[in-house]
Amino acid sequence: MHPNALIEHATELLHRVLRFDKPADAVVSDFFREHREFGPRERATLAETAFDVLRQRLLYQHLAQSGSGEMERRLAILGWHGNAGFLRAALSDAERAWLDRVGQIDRASLPEKLRHNLPDWLAETLQPQLGDEFWPWVERVSAPAPLDLRVNTWQADRNAVQAELAAAGIDAQPTPYSPIGLRIDGKPALQKLDVFKRGAVEVQDEGSQLLVMLTGARRGEMVVDFCAGAGGKTLALGAQMRNTGRLYAFDVSGHRLAALKPRLARSGLSNVYPVQIAHERDDRIQRLAGKIDRVLVDAPCSGLGTLRRNPDLKWRQSPEGIADMRPKQAAILKAAARLVKPGGRLVYATCSPLEAEDEDVAREFAESHPNWAALPVSSLLEAAHVAAAQTLVAGEYLRLWPHRHGTDGFFAAVWQKGG
């Protein structure tokens, strides 16, 4: 494709992404469906350029002010993630001169806001929470995440999968904490490989794998994934149960549950029962009250723990939205707790770094449910053969950070119901 044409496409994609009316990954997918003429390299350039602009939006908008022409074009030039020579061939003399001037700016001397590229409310929340670790966290969430895989231990062995990937030219290293994870730098075409097609691996962040291990599901049990979504944790639970017992995947979205079906078929699991519910008080939930051994509540949340993958979230979320989410999270947790039988286990988890969605919700639940005992997270992880489990814990909770652990940002609290 001619350089000018690709820059124009990048400009149009940024027009759409920066409206913030849909998740950025959905906007990019829709754009590529409209333009099937793009090859793999062009798709990678366009997507990575758009996501880099989202990560560095405040900085790039500041730098773009010294240029001329359409703002989205200037942003595309600043965030360009393709061949540099290809880019310069598409620029006018004035644009090349402007880009050279911008390249001479000492970015470390710019105001903090232009260096952390966060909305004020989020920076003001996380800086006191993280203290000296704030800037290391910023650095990690300002870069793309690696690709983590979960080995489907129901049908495969991690060492064998690693060797099979190596034979395909893909360097996959064991994840540092999860005993069933592999990590890949880059984005190889996994879907074309037999190891993926036959369900031996699933894409799943290492932190998400650890949440499932806290559930501790066993053979023959009745287990519920209360907010299953597209089923990444559901599939991990099913493998943990060795394809026995009964595993319910509840979600209010039929569209998300539909995305589980091909993954479920690939996994070889037959113990999973997807169920679309209307809300957390649905009659189908009520019928299971007091009968379930383990319940995982991966609650709806801001998703700000996934900024490496979804940088648009920091611009699409707001303090008001998070405040509105809090009662919903508490209601879902309370409803899920009713399912658990005496002696059973409840896990509350989010992919958020915000205490308002995490510790505050957990403490509120514990205070209103005195018959529930908090379980020691580090001991649960050690029982699941998780390495360095103590380093993953903050107080009585699991707390994962990109800059500390190399995972997305996750939180989890675990309780056992009294007799």
Protein backbone atom coordinates (compact mmCIF):
# COMPACT_ATOMS: atom_id res chain seq x y z
CA MET A 1 0.00 0.00 0.00
CA HIS A 2 1.23 3.50 -0.83
CA PRO A 3 2.59 5.35 2.25
CA ASN A 4 0.13 8.23 1.83
CA ALA A 5 -2.80 5.82 1.77
CA LEU A 6 -1.72 4.06 4.97
CA ILE A 7 -1.30 7.38 6.80
CA GLU A 8 -4.78 8.38 5.67
CA HIS A 9 -6.18 5.11 6.98
CA ALA A 10 -4.40 5.64 10.31
CA THR A 11 -5.92 9.12 10.49
CA GLU A 12 -9.41 7.80 9.83
CA LEU A 13 -8.99 5.04 12.42
CA LEU A 14 -7.96 7.60 15.03
CA HIS A 15 -11.03 9.70 14.20
CA ARG A 16 -13.15 6.71 15.17
CA VAL A 17 -11.16 5.52 18.17
CA LEU A 18 -10.97 8.98 19.78
CA ARG A 19 -14.74 9.34 19.87
CA PHE A 20 -14.64 6.92 22.82
CA ASP A 21 -18.15 5.69 22.09
CA LYS A 22 -17.04 2.03 21.87
CA PRO A 23 -14.11 -0.01 23.20
CA ALA A 24 -11.05 0.65 21.07
CA ASP A 25 -10.47 -3.01 20.23
CA ALA A 26 -14.02 -3.24 18.86
CA VAL A 27 -13.50 -0.09 16.77
CA VAL A 28 -10.27 -1.47 15.33
CA SER A 29 -11.93 -4.83 14.55
CA ASP A 30 -14.82 -3.10 12.79
CA PHE A 31 -12.37 -0.98 10.78
CA PHE A 32 -10.47 -4.04 9.61
CA ARG A 33 -13.70 -5.78 8.58
CA GLU A 34 -14.42 -2.78 6.36
CA HIS A 35 -10.94 -2.91 4.85
CA ARG A 36 -10.14 -6.51 4.05
CA GLU A 37 -7.45 -5.33 1.63
CA PHE A 38 -5.05 -4.78 4.54
CA GLY A 39 -2.29 -7.34 4.95
CA PRO A 40 -0.97 -8.52 8.34
CA ARG A 41 1.79 -5.89 8.43
CA GLU A 42 -0.59 -3.05 7.61
CA ARG A 43 -3.09 -4.22 10.20
CA ALA A 44 -0.35 -4.38 12.82
CA THR A 45 0.88 -0.88 11.97
CA LEU A 46 -2.60 0.64 12.13
CA ALA A 47 -3.64 -1.09 15.35
CA GLU A 48 -0.39 -0.43 17.20
CA THR A 49 -0.37 3.21 16.09
CA ALA A 50 -3.91 3.72 17.38
CA PHE A 51 -3.15 2.07 20.73
CA ASP A 52 0.08 4.03 21.16
CA VAL A 53 -1.87 7.27 20.69
CA LEU A 54 -4.32 6.13 23.35
CA ARG A 55 -1.46 5.39 25.76
CA GLN A 56 0.30 8.72 25.15
CA ARG A 57 -2.71 10.85 24.28
CA LEU A 58 -2.00 13.90 26.46
CA LEU A 59 1.65 14.03 25.45
CA TYR A 60 0.93 13.66 21.75
CA GLN A 61 -1.84 16.26 21.82
CA HIS A 62 0.60 18.68 23.45
CA LEU A 63 3.32 17.98 20.89
CA ALA A 64 0.86 18.13 18.00
CA GLN A 65 -0.03 21.74 18.80
CA SER A 66 3.23 22.92 17.24
CA GLY A 67 2.35 21.30 13.92
CA SER A 68 -0.26 22.11 11.31
CA GLY A 69 -2.95 20.25 9.46
CA GLU A 70 -5.50 17.75 10.74
CA MET A 71 -5.01 16.89 14.43
CA GLU A 72 -5.64 13.15 13.96
CA ARG A 73 -3.02 13.03 11.19
CA ARG A 74 -0.47 14.67 13.48
CA LEU A 75 -1.32 12.17 16.21
CA ALA A 76 -0.92 9.28 13.77
CA ILE A 77 2.53 10.58 12.80
CA LEU A 78 3.62 10.89 16.44
CA GLY A 79 2.33 7.44 17.36
CA TRP A 80 3.49 5.70 14.19
CA HIS A 81 4.41 2.05 14.80
CA GLY A 82 5.48 1.08 11.33
CA ASN A 83 8.63 1.50 9.26
CA ALA A 84 10.11 4.97 9.87
CA GLY A 85 11.30 5.34 6.28
CA PHE A 86 7.86 4.40 5.03
CA LEU A 87 6.36 7.11 7.25
CA ARG A 88 8.76 9.85 6.10
CA ALA A 89 7.99 9.02 2.48
CA ALA A 90 4.37 9.95 3.15
CA LEU A 91 5.13 13.30 4.83
CA SER A 92 5.46 16.74 3.34
CA ASP A 93 8.68 18.71 3.83
CA ALA A 94 6.96 20.78 6.54
CA GLU A 95 5.75 17.65 8.36
CA ARG A 96 9.22 16.09 8.28
CA ALA A 97 10.75 19.27 9.68
CA TRP A 98 8.11 19.42 12.43
CA LEU A 99 8.65 15.76 13.35
CA ASP A 100 12.42 16.37 13.61
CA ARG A 101 11.84 19.34 15.93
CA VAL A 102 9.48 17.32 18.12
CA GLY A 103 12.08 14.56 18.31
CA GLN A 104 14.54 16.97 19.94
CA ILE A 105 12.27 17.72 22.91
CA ASP A 106 13.42 16.35 26.26
CA ARG A 107 10.25 14.58 27.35
CA ALA A 108 11.58 14.01 30.87
CA SER A 109 11.43 17.78 31.40
CA LEU A 110 7.74 18.04 30.59
CA PRO A 111 5.06 18.40 33.31
CA GLU A 112 4.01 15.24 35.15
CA LYS A 113 0.61 15.16 33.47
CA LEU A 114 2.25 14.83 30.05
CA ARG A 115 4.53 12.08 31.32
CA HIS A 116 1.98 9.88 33.05
CA ASN A 117 -0.78 10.44 30.46
CA LEU A 118 -3.59 9.85 32.93
CA PRO A 119 -6.76 11.82 33.61
CA ASP A 120 -6.38 13.95 36.73
CA TRP A 121 -8.81 11.92 38.84
CA LEU A 122 -6.98 8.65 38.18
CA ALA A 123 -3.52 10.07 38.85
CA GLU A 124 -4.76 11.69 42.06
CA THR A 125 -6.18 8.35 43.19
CA LEU A 126 -3.21 6.13 42.35
CA GLN A 127 -0.27 8.34 43.27
CA PRO A 128 -1.01 8.22 47.03
CA GLN A 129 -1.89 4.52 46.80
CA LEU A 130 1.32 3.54 45.01
CA GLY A 131 3.73 6.11 46.45
CA ASP A 132 7.24 5.61 45.06
CA GLU A 133 5.93 2.83 42.81
CA PHE A 134 3.67 5.16 40.84
CA TRP A 135 6.19 5.93 38.09
CA PRO A 136 7.32 2.31 37.64
CA TRP A 137 3.62 1.43 37.32
CA VAL A 138 3.16 4.19 34.72
CA GLU A 139 6.09 2.85 32.74
CA ARG A 140 4.68 -0.67 32.64
CA VAL A 141 1.11 0.30 31.71
CA SER A 142 2.46 2.60 28.99
CA ALA A 143 3.85 -0.40 27.10
CA PRO A 144 2.01 -3.30 25.46
CA ALA A 145 1.54 -6.51 27.43
CA PRO A 146 3.18 -9.79 26.45
CA LEU A 147 1.00 -12.68 25.33
CA ASP A 148 0.22 -15.13 28.13
CA LEU A 149 -1.14 -18.60 27.48
CA ARG A 150 -2.80 -21.06 29.84
CA VAL A 151 -2.06 -24.69 29.12
CA ASN A 152 -5.23 -26.78 29.18
CA THR A 153 -4.02 -29.33 31.70
CA TRP A 154 -7.07 -31.49 31.05
CA GLN A 155 -5.50 -32.51 27.77
CA ALA A 156 -1.91 -31.22 27.67
CA ASP A 157 1.36 -30.79 29.57
CA ARG A 158 3.17 -27.44 29.80
CA ASN A 159 6.58 -28.81 28.82
CA ALA A 160 5.14 -30.61 25.81
CA VAL A 161 3.26 -27.50 24.69
CA GLN A 162 6.38 -25.37 25.12
CA ALA A 163 8.34 -27.80 22.94
CA GLU A 164 5.61 -27.81 20.29
CA LEU A 165 5.60 -24.02 20.17
CA ALA A 166 9.40 -24.00 19.91
CA ALA A 167 9.16 -26.36 16.93
CA ALA A 168 6.87 -23.78 15.31
CA GLY A 169 9.50 -21.08 15.89
CA ILE A 170 7.78 -19.50 18.90
CA ASP A 171 9.77 -18.90 22.07
CA ALA A 172 7.37 -19.46 24.99
CA GLN A 173 8.76 -19.25 28.51
CA PRO A 174 7.09 -20.52 31.70
CA THR A 175 5.26 -17.80 33.58
CA PRO A 176 7.01 -16.92 36.86
CA TYR A 177 4.05 -17.67 39.16
CA SER A 178 1.42 -19.79 37.43
CA PRO A 179 2.48 -23.43 37.05
CA ILE A 180 0.33 -23.80 33.94
CA GLY A 181 1.22 -20.60 32.06
CA LEU A 182 3.52 -19.71 29.16
CA ARG A 183 4.58 -16.21 28.08
CA ILE A 184 5.37 -15.04 24.57
CA ASP A 185 6.82 -11.72 23.45
CA GLY A 186 5.16 -10.51 20.27
CA LYS A 187 1.94 -11.59 18.63
CA PRO A 188 2.40 -14.77 16.60
CA ALA A 189 -0.50 -16.18 14.61
CA LEU A 190 -1.46 -18.77 17.22
CA GLN A 191 -4.85 -19.53 15.73
CA LYS A 192 -3.20 -21.21 12.77
CA LEU A 193 -1.32 -23.68 14.96
CA ASP A 194 -2.58 -27.16 15.82
CA VAL A 195 -1.71 -26.62 19.49
CA PHE A 196 -4.33 -23.87 19.54
CA LYS A 197 -6.88 -25.52 17.27
CA ARG A 198 -7.07 -28.63 19.41
CA GLY A 199 -7.52 -26.59 22.60
CA ALA A 200 -4.18 -27.32 24.28
CA VAL A 201 -3.73 -23.61 25.02
CA GLU A 202 -5.93 -20.58 25.60
CA VAL A 203 -4.90 -16.94 25.72
CA GLN A 204 -5.18 -15.86 29.36
CA ASP A 205 -3.17 -13.39 31.43
CA GLU A 206 -1.15 -15.02 34.19
CA GLY A 207 -3.01 -12.99 36.81
CA SER A 208 -6.32 -14.34 35.60
CA GLN A 209 -4.94 -17.87 35.91
CA LEU A 210 -4.04 -17.19 39.55
CA LEU A 211 -7.59 -16.04 40.32
CA VAL A 212 -8.91 -19.41 39.18
CA MET A 213 -6.38 -21.20 41.38
CA LEU A 214 -7.77 -19.36 44.40
CA THR A 215 -11.13 -20.98 43.68
CA GLY A 216 -9.58 -24.39 44.26
CA ALA A 217 -12.26 -26.28 42.34
CA ARG A 218 -12.01 -30.06 42.68
CA ARG A 219 -13.21 -33.17 40.93
CA GLY A 220 -16.92 -33.85 41.18
CA GLU A 221 -17.89 -30.52 42.74
CA MET A 222 -20.62 -28.06 41.80
CA VAL A 223 -19.01 -24.76 40.82
CA VAL A 224 -20.30 -21.43 39.51
CA ASP A 225 -18.48 -18.81 37.46
CA PHE A 226 -20.93 -16.04 38.32
CA CYS A 227 -19.86 -13.43 35.74
CA ALA A 228 -18.44 -15.72 33.09
CA GLY A 229 -18.22 -13.37 30.11
CA ALA A 230 -16.52 -15.09 27.20
CA GLY A 231 -15.43 -17.90 29.51
CA GLY A 232 -11.68 -17.66 29.95
CA LYS A 233 -11.88 -18.43 33.66
CA THR A 234 -14.72 -20.90 33.07
CA LEU A 235 -12.49 -23.03 30.87
CA ALA A 236 -9.69 -22.89 33.43
CA LEU A 237 -12.12 -23.99 36.15
CA GLY A 238 -13.37 -26.87 34.02
CA ALA A 239 -9.82 -28.13 33.51
CA GLN A 240 -9.13 -27.69 37.23
CA MET A 241 -12.13 -29.95 37.89
CA ARG A 242 -10.69 -32.53 35.47
CA ASN A 243 -13.86 -32.38 33.37
CA THR A 244 -15.98 -33.79 36.21
CA GLY A 245 -18.77 -32.38 38.36
CA ARG A 246 -20.95 -29.55 37.12
CA LEU A 247 -19.75 -26.05 36.24
CA TYR A 248 -22.28 -23.27 35.61
CA ALA A 249 -21.21 -20.27 33.55
CA PHE A 250 -23.63 -17.42 34.35
CA ASP A 251 -23.72 -14.12 32.51
CA VAL A 252 -26.32 -11.50 31.62
CA SER A 253 -24.94 -11.24 28.07
CA GLY A 254 -25.94 -13.89 25.60
CA HIS A 255 -23.45 -12.40 23.14
CA ARG A 256 -20.53 -13.00 25.52
CA LEU A 257 -21.68 -16.52 26.32
CA ALA A 258 -21.94 -17.24 22.60
CA ALA A 259 -18.24 -16.45 22.32
CA LEU A 260 -17.61 -19.22 24.86
CA LYS A 261 -19.11 -21.96 22.69
CA PRO A 262 -16.30 -22.41 20.12
CA ARG A 263 -13.69 -22.17 22.89
CA LEU A 264 -15.58 -24.76 24.91
CA ALA A 265 -15.76 -27.12 21.94
CA ARG A 266 -12.02 -26.72 21.37
CA SER A 267 -11.22 -27.39 25.03
CA GLY A 268 -12.76 -30.86 25.09
CA LEU A 269 -14.65 -30.07 28.30
CA SER A 270 -18.15 -31.49 28.79
CA ASN A 271 -18.85 -30.38 32.36
CA VAL A 272 -19.66 -26.73 31.53
CA TYR A 273 -23.23 -25.41 31.40
CA PRO A 274 -23.54 -21.82 30.05
CA VAL A 275 -26.65 -20.04 31.37
CA GLN A 276 -27.81 -16.56 30.40
CA ILE A 277 -29.44 -14.81 33.37
CA ALA A 278 -31.52 -11.64 33.52
CA HIS A 279 -29.86 -10.30 36.69
CA GLU A 280 -28.25 -11.49 39.92
CA ARG A 281 -31.70 -12.34 41.38
CA ASP A 282 -32.71 -14.58 38.47
CA ASP A 283 -34.85 -17.60 39.47
CA ARG A 284 -32.30 -19.96 37.92
CA ILE A 285 -29.79 -18.70 40.47
CA GLN A 286 -32.21 -18.94 43.37
CA ARG A 287 -32.79 -22.64 42.71
CA LEU A 288 -29.11 -23.32 43.40
CA ALA A 289 -29.01 -21.49 46.73
CA GLY A 290 -26.91 -23.29 49.33
CA LYS A 291 -25.88 -26.08 46.93
CA ILE A 292 -22.61 -24.86 45.40
CA ASP A 293 -19.10 -25.82 46.53
CA ARG A 294 -17.20 -22.93 44.93
CA VAL A 295 -18.29 -19.61 43.44
CA LEU A 296 -16.03 -17.25 41.51
CA VAL A 297 -17.29 -13.68 41.15
CA ASP A 298 -15.18 -11.88 38.55
CA ALA A 299 -17.21 -8.73 39.07
CA PRO A 300 -17.97 -6.03 36.51
CA CYS A 301 -15.50 -3.22 37.19
CA SER A 302 -13.62 -0.32 35.64
CA GLY A 303 -11.11 -2.69 34.03
CA LEU A 304 -8.29 -0.26 34.78
CA GLY A 305 -5.99 -3.13 35.66
CA THR A 306 -5.85 -3.95 31.94
CA LEU A 307 -4.48 -0.60 30.71
CA ARG A 308 -1.59 -2.35 28.95
CA ARG A 309 -4.16 -3.99 26.68
CA ASN A 310 -7.01 -1.47 26.85
CA PRO A 311 -5.50 2.02 27.19
CA ASP A 312 -8.76 3.65 26.09
CA LEU A 313 -10.32 2.71 29.44
CA LYS A 314 -8.55 5.52 31.25
CA TRP A 315 -10.34 7.97 28.96
CA ARG A 316 -13.69 6.16 28.94
CA GLN A 317 -14.01 5.69 32.70
CA SER A 318 -14.90 8.38 35.27
CA PRO A 319 -15.21 8.71 39.05
CA GLU A 320 -18.97 8.90 38.62
CA GLY A 321 -19.04 5.67 36.64
CA ILE A 322 -17.00 3.87 39.26
CA ALA A 323 -19.22 5.18 42.05
CA ASP A 324 -22.25 3.90 40.16
CA MET A 325 -20.58 0.49 39.80
CA ARG A 326 -20.01 0.03 43.53
CA PRO A 327 -23.62 -0.88 44.53
CA LYS A 328 -23.81 -3.29 41.59
CA GLN A 329 -20.61 -5.03 42.68
CA ALA A 330 -21.91 -5.37 46.24
CA ALA A 331 -25.27 -6.72 45.05
CA ILE A 332 -23.64 -9.30 42.77
CA LEU A 333 -21.33 -10.47 45.54
CA LYS A 334 -24.21 -10.77 48.00
CA ALA A 335 -26.31 -12.75 45.50
CA ALA A 336 -23.41 -15.06 44.64
CA ALA A 337 -22.79 -15.73 48.33
CA ARG A 338 -26.29 -17.19 48.67
CA LEU A 339 -25.29 -20.02 46.34
CA VAL A 340 -22.49 -21.30 48.55
CA LYS A 341 -23.16 -24.24 50.83
CA PRO A 342 -21.74 -24.43 54.38
CA GLY A 343 -18.00 -24.99 54.17
CA GLY A 344 -17.96 -23.75 50.57
CA ARG A 345 -15.69 -21.09 49.12
CA LEU A 346 -16.41 -17.66 47.60
CA VAL A 347 -13.90 -15.64 45.57
CA TYR A 348 -14.49 -11.96 44.76
CA ALA A 349 -12.18 -10.64 42.03
CA THR A 350 -11.73 -7.60 39.81
CA CYS A 351 -9.25 -6.40 37.21
CA SER A 352 -9.05 -3.00 38.89
CA PRO A 353 -6.31 -1.29 40.92
CA LEU A 354 -8.82 0.94 42.72
CA GLU A 355 -9.51 0.31 46.39
CA ALA A 356 -13.08 1.55 45.95
CA GLU A 357 -13.81 -1.48 43.75
CA ASP A 358 -11.66 -3.90 45.70
CA GLU A 359 -10.81 -3.64 49.41
CA ASP A 360 -13.81 -1.42 50.13
CA VAL A 361 -16.26 -3.93 48.61
CA ALA A 362 -14.55 -6.85 50.36
CA ARG A 363 -14.59 -5.14 53.76
CA GLU A 364 -18.24 -4.20 53.37
CA PHE A 365 -19.12 -7.81 52.57
CA ALA A 366 -17.11 -9.16 55.50
CA GLU A 367 -18.73 -6.73 57.94
CA SER A 368 -22.24 -7.68 56.82
CA HIS A 369 -21.53 -11.44 56.70
CA PRO A 370 -19.99 -12.41 60.06
CA ASN A 371 -20.59 -16.11 59.37
CA TRP A 372 -17.94 -16.03 56.63
CA ALA A 373 -14.24 -16.48 57.42
CA ALA A 374 -11.50 -14.91 55.30
CA LEU A 375 -9.10 -17.53 53.94
CA PRO A 376 -5.31 -16.94 53.78
CA VAL A 377 -4.64 -16.20 50.13
CA SER A 378 -0.94 -17.08 50.27
CA SER A 379 -1.72 -20.57 51.63
CA LEU A 380 -4.29 -21.16 48.90
CA LEU A 381 -1.78 -20.19 46.24
CA GLU A 382 0.95 -22.36 47.75
CA ALA A 383 -1.46 -25.31 47.76
CA ALA A 384 -1.93 -24.68 44.03
CA HIS A 385 1.86 -24.82 43.52
CA VAL A 386 2.14 -21.11 42.74
CA ALA A 387 5.73 -19.88 43.03
CA ALA A 388 6.62 -17.02 45.43
CA ALA A 389 3.01 -16.85 46.62
CA GLN A 390 3.86 -14.49 49.49
CA THR A 391 4.92 -11.77 47.05
CA LEU A 392 1.45 -11.71 45.49
CA VAL A 393 -0.40 -10.85 48.68
CA ALA A 394 -1.30 -7.52 50.30
CA GLY A 395 -2.67 -8.17 53.78
CA GLU A 396 -5.36 -10.81 53.45
CA TYR A 397 -5.96 -10.15 49.74
CA LEU A 398 -4.39 -11.04 46.42
CA ARG A 399 -3.08 -7.85 44.82
CA LEU A 400 -1.28 -8.04 41.46
CA TRP A 401 0.46 -5.13 39.70
CA PRO A 402 2.00 -4.94 36.22
CA HIS A 403 5.22 -3.34 37.48
CA ARG A 404 5.69 -5.82 40.34
CA HIS A 405 4.44 -9.07 38.89
CA GLY A 406 4.30 -8.62 35.11
CA THR A 407 0.58 -9.42 35.09
CA ASP A 408 -2.45 -7.24 34.56
CA GLY A 409 -3.70 -5.53 37.71
CA PHE A 410 -5.92 -7.89 39.71
CA PHE A 411 -7.49 -8.06 43.15
CA ALA A 412 -9.12 -11.00 44.94
CA ALA A 413 -10.59 -11.79 48.34
CA VAL A 414 -11.55 -15.29 49.46
CA TRP A 415 -13.99 -16.47 52.13
CA GLN A 416 -15.33 -19.75 53.47
CA LYS A 417 -18.93 -20.04 54.59
CA GLY A 418 -19.50 -21.12 58.18
CA GLY A 419 -21.53 -24.18 59.09
